Amino acid sequence: MRSFAATAACYTAATLLPTPAWAVPVETGDEAAPCWAEQVAVSASPTQGAVGHRALTLTFSLAGGAEPCTLTGYPAVESGAGGPDIHARPTLRGYMGGLPSGVDVPPTVILSISTQGQATVEGIAMDGAGNPCPSYTDLRVNPPDTGIVFTVPVDIDACELQVHPITSAR
C-alpha cells in the first residue's frame, strides 16, 4: 500500500490542469497566485446521511493574514482514526455532491477574506454484505498542489470514500 504522501503526489499529478490564458481577478483587482501550504486552513461540516450514503463538506479558507490565492482540482483525502486506511477516490460528482451535471472541468477557486472553497467527501455506510462500516473520527486532507496534510476532526462511517473537486462555497 502506498504512503499518504505518495498518494497525495499522485492525486496532485493527476489533477494538474493547464493554466488558463487569463488571470483570475480578486476583490483588489490583483491577480491571485496558487495557494501555498501556509496560506490554507481546512475544516469540516457535520456529516449528513441519505439512503446508506454519508457526506461531509471540507471548507478551505485563508489562514490568518494570508494573501488571496487559488485552489484547483481535488484535495487528497485519506481516512484517519477508526478503521483501516481508505484513500478517497477523486470523482467529479456522486450521490450527495460534486460538480453539476455537464460540468467536467474543476473550477479555479479564489480563497480570500470573503470567499472560501469547499469539497464534498462522501462514502457508503454499509459494505456489500450489509454490515456497518467503520466510524472514522478524522480525515487527513492535502489541499491540491500543496505539501501540507491537515488532520481534520470528523464523524463519518464509511467503507469507501470519494472526494469531489473544490468549488466556491455558496
N, C-alpha and C. Protein backbone atom coordinates (compact mmCIF):
# COMPACT_ATOMS: atom_id res chain seq x y z
N MET A 1 0.84 -1.17 0.00
CA MET A 1 0.00 0.00 0.00
C MET A 1 0.89 1.24 0.00
N ARG A 2 0.58 2.23 -0.82
CA ARG A 2 1.37 3.45 -0.92
C ARG A 2 1.15 4.33 0.30
N SER A 3 2.14 5.12 0.63
CA SER A 3 2.01 6.07 1.73
C SER A 3 1.06 7.19 1.31
N PHE A 4 0.57 7.92 2.31
CA PHE A 4 -0.33 9.03 2.02
C PHE A 4 0.38 10.09 1.19
N ALA A 5 1.64 10.37 1.50
CA ALA A 5 2.38 11.37 0.75
C ALA A 5 2.49 10.97 -0.72
N ALA A 6 2.75 9.69 -0.98
CA ALA A 6 2.85 9.22 -2.36
C ALA A 6 1.49 9.31 -3.05
N THR A 7 0.43 8.96 -2.32
CA THR A 7 -0.92 9.04 -2.88
C THR A 7 -1.28 10.49 -3.18
N ALA A 8 -0.96 11.40 -2.25
CA ALA A 8 -1.24 12.82 -2.45
C ALA A 8 -0.50 13.34 -3.67
N ALA A 9 0.73 12.92 -3.84
CA ALA A 9 1.51 13.35 -5.00
C ALA A 9 0.86 12.84 -6.29
N CYS A 10 0.34 11.61 -6.26
CA CYS A 10 -0.32 11.06 -7.44
C CYS A 10 -1.59 11.83 -7.76
N TYR A 11 -2.41 12.17 -6.73
CA TYR A 11 -3.62 12.95 -6.95
C TYR A 11 -3.27 14.32 -7.51
N THR A 12 -2.21 14.92 -6.95
CA THR A 12 -1.80 16.23 -7.42
C THR A 12 -1.40 16.14 -8.88
N ALA A 13 -0.59 15.15 -9.23
CA ALA A 13 -0.16 15.00 -10.62
C ALA A 13 -1.35 14.70 -11.52
N ALA A 14 -2.32 13.93 -11.03
CA ALA A 14 -3.47 13.55 -11.84
C ALA A 14 -4.44 14.71 -12.03
N THR A 15 -4.39 15.72 -11.15
CA THR A 15 -5.37 16.80 -11.24
C THR A 15 -4.81 18.08 -11.80
N LEU A 16 -3.54 18.07 -12.22
CA LEU A 16 -3.00 19.29 -12.80
C LEU A 16 -3.73 19.59 -14.09
N LEU A 17 -4.15 20.82 -14.20
CA LEU A 17 -4.86 21.25 -15.40
C LEU A 17 -4.06 22.36 -16.05
N PRO A 18 -4.21 22.55 -17.34
CA PRO A 18 -3.50 23.65 -17.97
C PRO A 18 -3.95 24.98 -17.36
N THR A 19 -3.02 25.90 -17.24
CA THR A 19 -3.35 27.21 -16.71
C THR A 19 -4.10 28.00 -17.77
N PRO A 20 -5.23 28.64 -17.38
CA PRO A 20 -5.95 29.42 -18.37
C PRO A 20 -5.11 30.61 -18.84
N ALA A 21 -5.40 31.11 -20.02
CA ALA A 21 -4.65 32.22 -20.58
C ALA A 21 -4.99 33.53 -19.89
N TRP A 22 -6.07 33.60 -19.16
CA TRP A 22 -6.48 34.82 -18.48
C TRP A 22 -6.28 34.68 -16.99
N ALA A 23 -6.13 35.79 -16.32
CA ALA A 23 -5.92 35.79 -14.87
C ALA A 23 -7.26 35.82 -14.15
N VAL A 24 -7.29 35.24 -12.96
CA VAL A 24 -8.50 35.25 -12.14
C VAL A 24 -8.42 36.46 -11.22
N PRO A 25 -9.34 37.45 -11.36
CA PRO A 25 -9.25 38.64 -10.52
C PRO A 25 -9.75 38.37 -9.10
N VAL A 26 -9.25 39.13 -8.14
CA VAL A 26 -9.75 39.10 -6.77
C VAL A 26 -10.31 40.49 -6.47
N GLU A 27 -10.86 40.65 -5.27
CA GLU A 27 -11.53 41.90 -4.92
C GLU A 27 -10.67 43.13 -5.14
N THR A 28 -9.35 43.02 -4.93
CA THR A 28 -8.47 44.17 -5.02
C THR A 28 -8.06 44.48 -6.45
N GLY A 29 -8.41 43.63 -7.40
CA GLY A 29 -8.02 43.81 -8.78
C GLY A 29 -6.68 43.17 -9.08
N ASP A 30 -6.00 42.64 -8.08
CA ASP A 30 -4.73 41.95 -8.28
C ASP A 30 -4.99 40.53 -8.77
N GLU A 31 -3.94 39.90 -9.31
CA GLU A 31 -4.06 38.50 -9.70
C GLU A 31 -3.71 37.64 -8.50
N ALA A 32 -4.43 36.55 -8.32
CA ALA A 32 -4.15 35.63 -7.21
C ALA A 32 -3.30 34.47 -7.74
N ALA A 33 -2.29 34.12 -6.98
CA ALA A 33 -1.41 33.01 -7.33
C ALA A 33 -1.93 31.73 -6.68
N PRO A 34 -1.49 30.56 -7.13
CA PRO A 34 -1.87 29.31 -6.45
C PRO A 34 -1.48 29.35 -4.97
N CYS A 35 -2.29 28.73 -4.14
CA CYS A 35 -2.06 28.72 -2.69
C CYS A 35 -0.81 27.93 -2.32
N TRP A 36 -0.12 28.41 -1.31
CA TRP A 36 0.97 27.68 -0.67
C TRP A 36 0.38 27.03 0.57
N ALA A 37 1.04 26.05 1.08
CA ALA A 37 0.55 25.30 2.25
C ALA A 37 0.21 26.22 3.42
N GLU A 38 1.06 27.22 3.70
CA GLU A 38 0.86 28.09 4.86
C GLU A 38 -0.33 29.03 4.71
N GLN A 39 -0.89 29.15 3.51
CA GLN A 39 -2.00 30.07 3.27
C GLN A 39 -3.36 29.44 3.51
N VAL A 40 -3.43 28.12 3.67
CA VAL A 40 -4.71 27.42 3.68
C VAL A 40 -5.03 26.84 5.06
N ALA A 41 -6.30 26.93 5.43
CA ALA A 41 -6.83 26.26 6.62
C ALA A 41 -7.99 25.37 6.16
N VAL A 42 -8.19 24.24 6.83
CA VAL A 42 -9.24 23.29 6.43
C VAL A 42 -10.08 22.93 7.65
N SER A 43 -11.40 22.88 7.44
CA SER A 43 -12.33 22.42 8.47
C SER A 43 -13.39 21.55 7.80
N ALA A 44 -14.25 20.91 8.61
CA ALA A 44 -15.28 20.02 8.05
C ALA A 44 -16.63 20.31 8.69
N SER A 45 -17.68 20.12 7.90
CA SER A 45 -19.05 20.25 8.39
C SER A 45 -19.45 18.97 9.11
N PRO A 46 -20.56 19.00 9.84
CA PRO A 46 -21.10 17.73 10.36
C PRO A 46 -21.50 16.82 9.19
N THR A 47 -21.46 15.53 9.43
CA THR A 47 -21.81 14.54 8.40
C THR A 47 -23.31 14.52 8.18
N GLN A 48 -23.70 14.41 6.92
CA GLN A 48 -25.10 14.25 6.51
C GLN A 48 -25.29 12.82 6.03
N GLY A 49 -26.51 12.31 6.09
CA GLY A 49 -26.78 10.96 5.63
C GLY A 49 -27.98 10.91 4.70
N ALA A 50 -27.95 9.96 3.73
CA ALA A 50 -29.07 9.74 2.82
C ALA A 50 -28.95 8.35 2.22
N VAL A 51 -29.95 7.50 2.46
CA VAL A 51 -30.07 6.19 1.85
C VAL A 51 -28.74 5.42 1.83
N GLY A 52 -28.14 5.23 2.99
CA GLY A 52 -26.91 4.46 3.08
C GLY A 52 -25.66 5.21 2.69
N HIS A 53 -25.78 6.46 2.32
CA HIS A 53 -24.64 7.29 1.95
C HIS A 53 -24.35 8.28 3.07
N ARG A 54 -23.11 8.68 3.18
CA ARG A 54 -22.69 9.69 4.14
C ARG A 54 -21.86 10.72 3.41
N ALA A 55 -21.98 11.99 3.80
CA ALA A 55 -21.19 13.04 3.16
C ALA A 55 -20.90 14.15 4.16
N LEU A 56 -19.79 14.80 3.94
CA LEU A 56 -19.45 15.99 4.70
C LEU A 56 -18.78 16.95 3.73
N THR A 57 -18.73 18.20 4.14
CA THR A 57 -18.12 19.23 3.31
C THR A 57 -16.84 19.71 3.97
N LEU A 58 -15.75 19.64 3.22
CA LEU A 58 -14.49 20.24 3.66
C LEU A 58 -14.51 21.70 3.22
N THR A 59 -14.15 22.60 4.12
CA THR A 59 -14.09 24.02 3.80
C THR A 59 -12.63 24.46 3.81
N PHE A 60 -12.23 25.12 2.74
CA PHE A 60 -10.88 25.63 2.57
C PHE A 60 -10.94 27.15 2.68
N SER A 61 -10.21 27.71 3.62
CA SER A 61 -10.20 29.15 3.82
C SER A 61 -8.77 29.63 3.96
N LEU A 62 -8.60 30.95 3.94
CA LEU A 62 -7.27 31.53 4.14
C LEU A 62 -6.87 31.40 5.59
N ALA A 63 -5.62 31.06 5.82
CA ALA A 63 -5.07 31.09 7.17
C ALA A 63 -4.90 32.56 7.54
N GLY A 64 -4.91 32.86 8.81
CA GLY A 64 -4.85 34.24 9.28
C GLY A 64 -3.76 35.07 8.62
N GLY A 65 -4.14 36.20 8.04
CA GLY A 65 -3.21 37.13 7.44
C GLY A 65 -2.69 36.78 6.07
N ALA A 66 -3.11 35.68 5.49
CA ALA A 66 -2.61 35.26 4.18
C ALA A 66 -3.21 36.11 3.07
N GLU A 67 -2.46 36.24 1.99
CA GLU A 67 -2.92 36.94 0.79
C GLU A 67 -3.87 36.02 0.01
N PRO A 68 -4.80 36.57 -0.78
CA PRO A 68 -5.67 35.73 -1.60
C PRO A 68 -4.85 34.80 -2.49
N CYS A 69 -5.40 33.60 -2.70
CA CYS A 69 -4.71 32.61 -3.52
C CYS A 69 -5.76 31.69 -4.14
N THR A 70 -5.33 30.80 -5.03
CA THR A 70 -6.28 29.94 -5.74
C THR A 70 -6.00 28.46 -5.48
N LEU A 71 -7.08 27.67 -5.54
CA LEU A 71 -7.00 26.21 -5.49
C LEU A 71 -7.77 25.67 -6.69
N THR A 72 -7.24 24.63 -7.31
CA THR A 72 -7.90 23.99 -8.44
C THR A 72 -7.76 22.48 -8.29
N GLY A 73 -8.86 21.76 -8.46
CA GLY A 73 -8.78 20.31 -8.50
C GLY A 73 -9.29 19.64 -7.25
N TYR A 74 -8.69 18.49 -6.95
CA TYR A 74 -9.14 17.64 -5.87
C TYR A 74 -8.16 17.66 -4.70
N PRO A 75 -8.68 17.76 -3.47
CA PRO A 75 -7.80 17.51 -2.34
C PRO A 75 -7.56 16.00 -2.26
N ALA A 76 -6.40 15.60 -1.77
CA ALA A 76 -6.18 14.18 -1.48
C ALA A 76 -6.74 13.95 -0.08
N VAL A 77 -7.56 12.92 0.08
CA VAL A 77 -8.22 12.64 1.36
C VAL A 77 -8.01 11.18 1.71
N GLU A 78 -7.65 10.95 2.97
CA GLU A 78 -7.45 9.59 3.47
C GLU A 78 -8.11 9.49 4.83
N SER A 79 -8.68 8.33 5.12
CA SER A 79 -9.29 8.13 6.43
C SER A 79 -8.23 8.18 7.51
N GLY A 80 -8.66 8.55 8.70
CA GLY A 80 -7.75 8.61 9.84
C GLY A 80 -8.13 7.55 10.86
N ALA A 81 -8.28 7.95 12.10
CA ALA A 81 -8.56 7.03 13.20
C ALA A 81 -9.95 6.41 13.08
N GLY A 82 -10.03 5.12 13.38
CA GLY A 82 -11.33 4.44 13.42
C GLY A 82 -11.42 3.18 12.61
N GLY A 83 -10.51 2.94 11.71
CA GLY A 83 -10.59 1.74 10.88
C GLY A 83 -9.40 1.67 9.95
N PRO A 84 -9.49 0.78 8.98
CA PRO A 84 -8.38 0.65 8.03
C PRO A 84 -8.26 1.90 7.15
N ASP A 85 -7.06 2.12 6.61
CA ASP A 85 -6.84 3.26 5.72
C ASP A 85 -7.69 3.13 4.47
N ILE A 86 -8.37 4.23 4.15
CA ILE A 86 -9.13 4.33 2.91
C ILE A 86 -8.65 5.59 2.20
N HIS A 87 -8.28 5.49 0.95
CA HIS A 87 -7.91 6.64 0.14
C HIS A 87 -9.14 7.04 -0.66
N ALA A 88 -9.59 8.28 -0.52
CA ALA A 88 -10.77 8.75 -1.26
C ALA A 88 -10.45 8.80 -2.75
N ARG A 89 -11.37 8.27 -3.52
CA ARG A 89 -11.24 8.25 -4.98
C ARG A 89 -11.76 9.57 -5.56
N PRO A 90 -10.95 10.31 -6.32
CA PRO A 90 -11.43 11.55 -6.93
C PRO A 90 -12.51 11.26 -7.97
N THR A 91 -13.65 11.90 -7.83
CA THR A 91 -14.74 11.76 -8.80
C THR A 91 -15.38 13.14 -9.01
N LEU A 92 -15.85 13.40 -10.21
CA LEU A 92 -16.47 14.69 -10.50
C LEU A 92 -17.73 14.93 -9.69
N ARG A 93 -18.54 13.88 -9.53
CA ARG A 93 -19.81 14.03 -8.81
C ARG A 93 -20.21 12.68 -8.24
N GLY A 94 -21.11 12.70 -7.27
CA GLY A 94 -21.57 11.47 -6.65
C GLY A 94 -23.00 11.59 -6.20
N TYR A 95 -23.42 10.70 -5.33
CA TYR A 95 -24.80 10.64 -4.86
C TYR A 95 -25.19 11.91 -4.09
N MET A 96 -24.23 12.47 -3.33
CA MET A 96 -24.57 13.59 -2.44
C MET A 96 -23.85 14.90 -2.76
N GLY A 97 -23.15 14.98 -3.88
CA GLY A 97 -22.49 16.25 -4.19
C GLY A 97 -21.56 16.15 -5.37
N GLY A 98 -20.83 17.23 -5.58
CA GLY A 98 -19.89 17.31 -6.67
C GLY A 98 -20.27 18.36 -7.68
N LEU A 99 -19.62 18.32 -8.83
CA LEU A 99 -19.90 19.30 -9.88
C LEU A 99 -21.28 19.06 -10.49
N PRO A 100 -21.92 20.12 -10.98
CA PRO A 100 -23.21 19.94 -11.65
C PRO A 100 -23.06 19.08 -12.90
N SER A 101 -24.14 18.43 -13.28
CA SER A 101 -24.15 17.63 -14.50
C SER A 101 -23.74 18.51 -15.68
N GLY A 102 -22.90 17.98 -16.54
CA GLY A 102 -22.45 18.72 -17.71
C GLY A 102 -21.20 19.55 -17.48
N VAL A 103 -20.78 19.71 -16.22
CA VAL A 103 -19.54 20.43 -15.92
C VAL A 103 -18.49 19.37 -15.64
N ASP A 104 -17.47 19.32 -16.48
CA ASP A 104 -16.47 18.25 -16.38
C ASP A 104 -15.06 18.74 -16.09
N VAL A 105 -14.91 20.03 -15.83
CA VAL A 105 -13.60 20.59 -15.51
C VAL A 105 -13.69 21.29 -14.16
N PRO A 106 -12.86 20.88 -13.20
CA PRO A 106 -12.89 21.55 -11.90
C PRO A 106 -12.56 23.03 -12.05
N PRO A 107 -13.31 23.89 -11.35
CA PRO A 107 -13.05 25.33 -11.44
C PRO A 107 -11.82 25.73 -10.63
N THR A 108 -11.31 26.92 -10.91
CA THR A 108 -10.30 27.53 -10.07
C THR A 108 -11.04 28.39 -9.05
N VAL A 109 -10.75 28.17 -7.78
CA VAL A 109 -11.45 28.86 -6.69
C VAL A 109 -10.48 29.81 -6.01
N ILE A 110 -10.92 31.04 -5.82
CA ILE A 110 -10.12 32.04 -5.12
C ILE A 110 -10.46 31.98 -3.63
N LEU A 111 -9.43 31.83 -2.81
CA LEU A 111 -9.60 31.96 -1.37
C LEU A 111 -9.22 33.39 -1.02
N SER A 112 -10.12 34.08 -0.33
CA SER A 112 -9.86 35.45 0.10
C SER A 112 -10.53 35.65 1.45
N ILE A 113 -10.46 36.85 1.96
CA ILE A 113 -11.12 37.14 3.23
C ILE A 113 -12.61 36.86 3.13
N SER A 114 -13.20 37.11 1.95
CA SER A 114 -14.65 36.98 1.80
C SER A 114 -15.09 35.71 1.07
N THR A 115 -14.17 34.91 0.53
CA THR A 115 -14.58 33.71 -0.20
C THR A 115 -13.80 32.48 0.27
N GLN A 116 -14.48 31.36 0.24
CA GLN A 116 -13.89 30.08 0.64
C GLN A 116 -14.13 29.07 -0.46
N GLY A 117 -13.44 27.95 -0.36
CA GLY A 117 -13.68 26.82 -1.25
C GLY A 117 -14.26 25.67 -0.45
N GLN A 118 -14.88 24.74 -1.14
CA GLN A 118 -15.43 23.57 -0.48
C GLN A 118 -15.31 22.35 -1.38
N ALA A 119 -15.20 21.19 -0.76
CA ALA A 119 -15.17 19.92 -1.49
C ALA A 119 -15.98 18.91 -0.69
N THR A 120 -16.81 18.16 -1.37
CA THR A 120 -17.62 17.13 -0.72
C THR A 120 -16.84 15.83 -0.67
N VAL A 121 -16.87 15.19 0.50
CA VAL A 121 -16.33 13.85 0.69
C VAL A 121 -17.52 12.97 1.01
N GLU A 122 -17.68 11.89 0.28
CA GLU A 122 -18.81 11.02 0.57
C GLU A 122 -18.41 9.56 0.58
N GLY A 123 -19.22 8.77 1.24
CA GLY A 123 -18.95 7.35 1.36
C GLY A 123 -20.21 6.53 1.51
N ILE A 124 -20.05 5.24 1.51
CA ILE A 124 -21.12 4.27 1.69
C ILE A 124 -21.04 3.78 3.13
N ALA A 125 -22.18 3.73 3.83
CA ALA A 125 -22.21 3.37 5.25
C ALA A 125 -22.30 1.87 5.52
N MET A 126 -22.58 1.06 4.49
CA MET A 126 -22.71 -0.39 4.66
C MET A 126 -21.85 -1.08 3.61
N ASP A 127 -21.24 -2.21 3.99
CA ASP A 127 -20.45 -2.94 3.00
C ASP A 127 -21.39 -3.77 2.11
N GLY A 128 -20.84 -4.49 1.15
CA GLY A 128 -21.63 -5.27 0.20
C GLY A 128 -22.49 -6.35 0.83
N ALA A 129 -22.12 -6.79 2.05
CA ALA A 129 -22.90 -7.82 2.75
C ALA A 129 -23.92 -7.22 3.70
N GLY A 130 -24.03 -5.89 3.73
CA GLY A 130 -25.00 -5.22 4.61
C GLY A 130 -24.49 -4.94 6.01
N ASN A 131 -23.19 -5.13 6.25
CA ASN A 131 -22.59 -4.85 7.56
C ASN A 131 -22.23 -3.38 7.67
N PRO A 132 -22.36 -2.81 8.87
CA PRO A 132 -21.99 -1.40 9.04
C PRO A 132 -20.48 -1.20 8.82
N CYS A 133 -20.14 -0.05 8.30
CA CYS A 133 -18.74 0.29 8.04
C CYS A 133 -18.11 0.92 9.29
N PRO A 134 -16.79 0.96 9.36
CA PRO A 134 -16.12 1.61 10.49
C PRO A 134 -16.50 3.09 10.59
N SER A 135 -16.42 3.60 11.79
CA SER A 135 -16.70 5.01 12.04
C SER A 135 -15.37 5.73 12.28
N TYR A 136 -15.06 6.67 11.40
CA TYR A 136 -13.81 7.41 11.48
C TYR A 136 -14.01 8.71 12.23
N THR A 137 -12.98 9.12 12.99
CA THR A 137 -13.07 10.34 13.79
C THR A 137 -12.20 11.46 13.22
N ASP A 138 -11.46 11.18 12.16
CA ASP A 138 -10.74 12.25 11.48
C ASP A 138 -10.39 11.81 10.07
N LEU A 139 -10.08 12.81 9.25
CA LEU A 139 -9.60 12.59 7.89
C LEU A 139 -8.29 13.34 7.74
N ARG A 140 -7.39 12.80 6.93
CA ARG A 140 -6.17 13.50 6.58
C ARG A 140 -6.41 14.13 5.20
N VAL A 141 -6.21 15.45 5.13
CA VAL A 141 -6.55 16.21 3.93
C VAL A 141 -5.34 16.98 3.43
N ASN A 142 -5.02 16.80 2.16
CA ASN A 142 -3.94 17.52 1.50
C ASN A 142 -4.55 18.39 0.40
N PRO A 143 -4.64 19.73 0.60
CA PRO A 143 -5.19 20.59 -0.45
C PRO A 143 -4.38 20.44 -1.75
N PRO A 144 -5.02 20.66 -2.90
CA PRO A 144 -4.32 20.48 -4.18
C PRO A 144 -3.05 21.33 -4.27
N ASP A 145 -2.01 20.72 -4.81
CA ASP A 145 -0.75 21.40 -5.12
C ASP A 145 -0.06 22.02 -3.91
N THR A 146 -0.32 21.49 -2.72
CA THR A 146 0.38 21.96 -1.52
C THR A 146 1.07 20.76 -0.88
N GLY A 147 2.02 21.03 -0.03
CA GLY A 147 2.76 19.95 0.60
C GLY A 147 2.36 19.72 2.04
N ILE A 148 1.20 20.18 2.45
CA ILE A 148 0.78 20.04 3.84
C ILE A 148 -0.39 19.08 3.94
N VAL A 149 -0.43 18.33 5.04
CA VAL A 149 -1.55 17.42 5.31
C VAL A 149 -2.18 17.86 6.63
N PHE A 150 -3.48 18.16 6.59
CA PHE A 150 -4.23 18.55 7.78
C PHE A 150 -4.94 17.32 8.33
N THR A 151 -4.98 17.17 9.64
CA THR A 151 -5.83 16.17 10.28
C THR A 151 -7.09 16.92 10.73
N VAL A 152 -8.22 16.56 10.11
CA VAL A 152 -9.47 17.28 10.31
C VAL A 152 -10.43 16.40 11.10
N PRO A 153 -10.92 16.85 12.28
CA PRO A 153 -11.88 16.06 13.05
C PRO A 153 -13.20 15.91 12.28
N VAL A 154 -13.71 14.68 12.20
CA VAL A 154 -14.98 14.39 11.54
C VAL A 154 -15.64 13.23 12.28
N ASP A 155 -16.82 12.89 11.87
CA ASP A 155 -17.52 11.70 12.34
C ASP A 155 -18.24 11.12 11.14
N ILE A 156 -17.61 10.13 10.48
CA ILE A 156 -18.20 9.55 9.28
C ILE A 156 -17.97 8.05 9.28
N ASP A 157 -19.04 7.30 9.02
CA ASP A 157 -18.90 5.85 8.88
C ASP A 157 -18.89 5.54 7.38
N ALA A 158 -17.85 4.83 6.96
CA ALA A 158 -17.68 4.57 5.53
C ALA A 158 -16.77 3.37 5.30
N CYS A 159 -17.09 2.63 4.23
CA CYS A 159 -16.23 1.53 3.78
C CYS A 159 -15.41 1.96 2.57
N GLU A 160 -15.83 2.99 1.89
CA GLU A 160 -15.10 3.56 0.78
C GLU A 160 -15.41 5.04 0.76
N LEU A 161 -14.51 5.83 0.19
CA LEU A 161 -14.70 7.28 0.15
C LEU A 161 -14.47 7.80 -1.26
N GLN A 162 -15.19 8.88 -1.59
CA GLN A 162 -14.98 9.65 -2.81
C GLN A 162 -14.74 11.09 -2.39
N VAL A 163 -13.97 11.82 -3.17
CA VAL A 163 -13.82 13.25 -2.96
C VAL A 163 -14.10 13.94 -4.29
N HIS A 164 -14.84 15.04 -4.21
CA HIS A 164 -15.20 15.81 -5.40
C HIS A 164 -14.34 17.07 -5.48
N PRO A 165 -14.25 17.71 -6.64
CA PRO A 165 -13.39 18.88 -6.80
C PRO A 165 -13.79 20.04 -5.88
N ILE A 166 -12.81 20.88 -5.62
CA ILE A 166 -13.08 22.09 -4.85
C ILE A 166 -13.89 23.05 -5.70
N THR A 167 -14.93 23.61 -5.11
CA THR A 167 -15.77 24.61 -5.77
C THR A 167 -15.90 25.81 -4.82
N SER A 168 -16.46 26.90 -5.30
CA SER A 168 -16.69 28.06 -4.45
C SER A 168 -17.77 27.74 -3.44
N ALA A 169 -17.54 28.14 -2.18
CA ALA A 169 -18.56 27.96 -1.14
C ALA A 169 -19.71 28.92 -1.42
N ARG A 170 -20.89 28.44 -1.25
CA ARG A 170 -22.07 29.27 -1.52
C ARG A 170 -22.57 29.92 -0.27
